[in-house]
Amino acid sequence: MNAKILTFSSRGDTTLLEYDPATADMEEVNKLIAEYEAKTGAQPFDMATGERLEKVTREQNEVLPLATRSRRLAV
């Protein structure tokens, strides 16, 4: 079974990364998530529990990066 890191936007759902938890390099998976978080401010949450993840492990099958920072628009 493959695991997914998903993101949602007004343009539709996107899979950022799909990997096999049994064989994946979890350091590489967490590096990708950290880079995405640094770029967008979106923090990873486990979709099954709703808990914020510090590191993704092989047990998480679906991870959702959510933006928790509010962005101010210039008027």
Protein backbone atom coordinates (compact mmCIF):
# COMPACT_ATOMS: atom_id res chain seq x y z
CA MET A 1 0.00 0.00 0.00
CA ASN A 2 1.32 3.42 -0.90
CA ALA A 3 1.21 6.44 1.38
CA LYS A 4 0.39 9.93 0.15
CA ILE A 5 1.18 13.50 1.05
CA LEU A 6 -1.76 15.54 -0.22
CA THR A 7 -2.56 19.21 -0.58
CA PHE A 8 -5.82 20.92 -1.47
CA SER A 9 -6.44 24.18 -3.29
CA SER A 10 -9.12 25.93 -5.27
CA ARG A 11 -7.58 24.30 -8.36
CA GLY A 12 -8.21 20.82 -6.94
CA ASP A 13 -6.46 18.15 -4.94
CA THR A 14 -2.80 17.46 -5.59
CA THR A 15 -0.59 14.59 -4.50
CA LEU A 16 2.77 16.08 -3.54
CA LEU A 17 4.39 12.72 -2.94
CA GLU A 18 3.36 9.09 -3.08
CA TYR A 19 5.67 6.49 -1.58
CA ASP A 20 5.82 2.96 -0.26
CA PRO A 21 6.27 3.20 3.54
CA ALA A 22 7.93 -0.23 3.64
CA THR A 23 10.82 0.83 1.40
CA ALA A 24 10.87 4.63 1.38
CA ASP A 25 13.76 6.68 2.75
CA MET A 26 11.82 8.45 5.50
CA GLU A 27 14.57 11.07 5.89
CA GLU A 28 13.98 12.03 2.26
CA VAL A 29 10.19 12.12 2.80
CA ASN A 30 10.59 14.40 5.83
CA LYS A 31 13.08 16.59 3.94
CA LEU A 32 10.52 17.13 1.17
CA ILE A 33 7.85 18.02 3.73
CA ALA A 34 10.21 20.45 5.50
CA GLU A 35 11.04 22.14 2.18
CA TYR A 36 7.34 22.46 1.34
CA GLU A 37 6.62 23.86 4.82
CA ALA A 38 9.44 26.42 4.47
CA LYS A 39 8.13 27.48 1.06
CA THR A 40 4.41 27.65 1.88
CA GLY A 41 4.05 27.68 5.67
CA ALA A 42 1.91 24.53 5.44
CA GLN A 43 2.46 22.19 8.39
CA PRO A 44 1.93 18.43 8.08
CA PHE A 45 -1.03 16.78 9.84
CA ASP A 46 -1.99 13.10 9.98
CA MET A 47 -5.35 12.82 8.19
CA ALA A 48 -6.39 9.84 10.32
CA THR A 49 -5.85 11.53 13.71
CA GLY A 50 -5.80 15.23 12.86
CA GLU A 51 -2.58 15.62 14.86
CA ARG A 52 0.32 17.84 13.85
CA LEU A 53 3.33 15.76 12.82
CA GLU A 54 6.89 16.65 13.73
CA LYS A 55 8.20 13.78 11.60
CA VAL A 56 6.33 11.46 9.26
CA THR A 57 6.78 7.79 10.12
CA ARG A 58 5.97 4.63 8.25
CA GLU A 59 2.69 4.37 10.22
CA GLN A 60 1.12 7.51 8.68
CA ASN A 61 -0.60 6.62 5.42
CA GLU A 62 -2.01 10.03 4.49
CA VAL A 63 -0.47 13.34 5.43
CA LEU A 64 -2.03 16.71 4.72
CA PRO A 65 0.07 19.90 4.81
CA LEU A 66 -2.18 22.72 6.07
CA ALA A 67 -1.33 26.40 6.10
CA THR A 68 -1.75 27.65 9.64
CA ARG A 69 -0.44 31.15 9.08
CA SER A 70 -2.90 33.76 7.97
CA ARG A 71 -1.79 35.81 5.01
CA ARG A 72 -2.70 39.44 4.83
CA LEU A 73 -3.75 40.90 1.51
CA ALA A 74 -2.85 44.45 0.61
CA VAL A 75 -5.89 46.52 -0.29
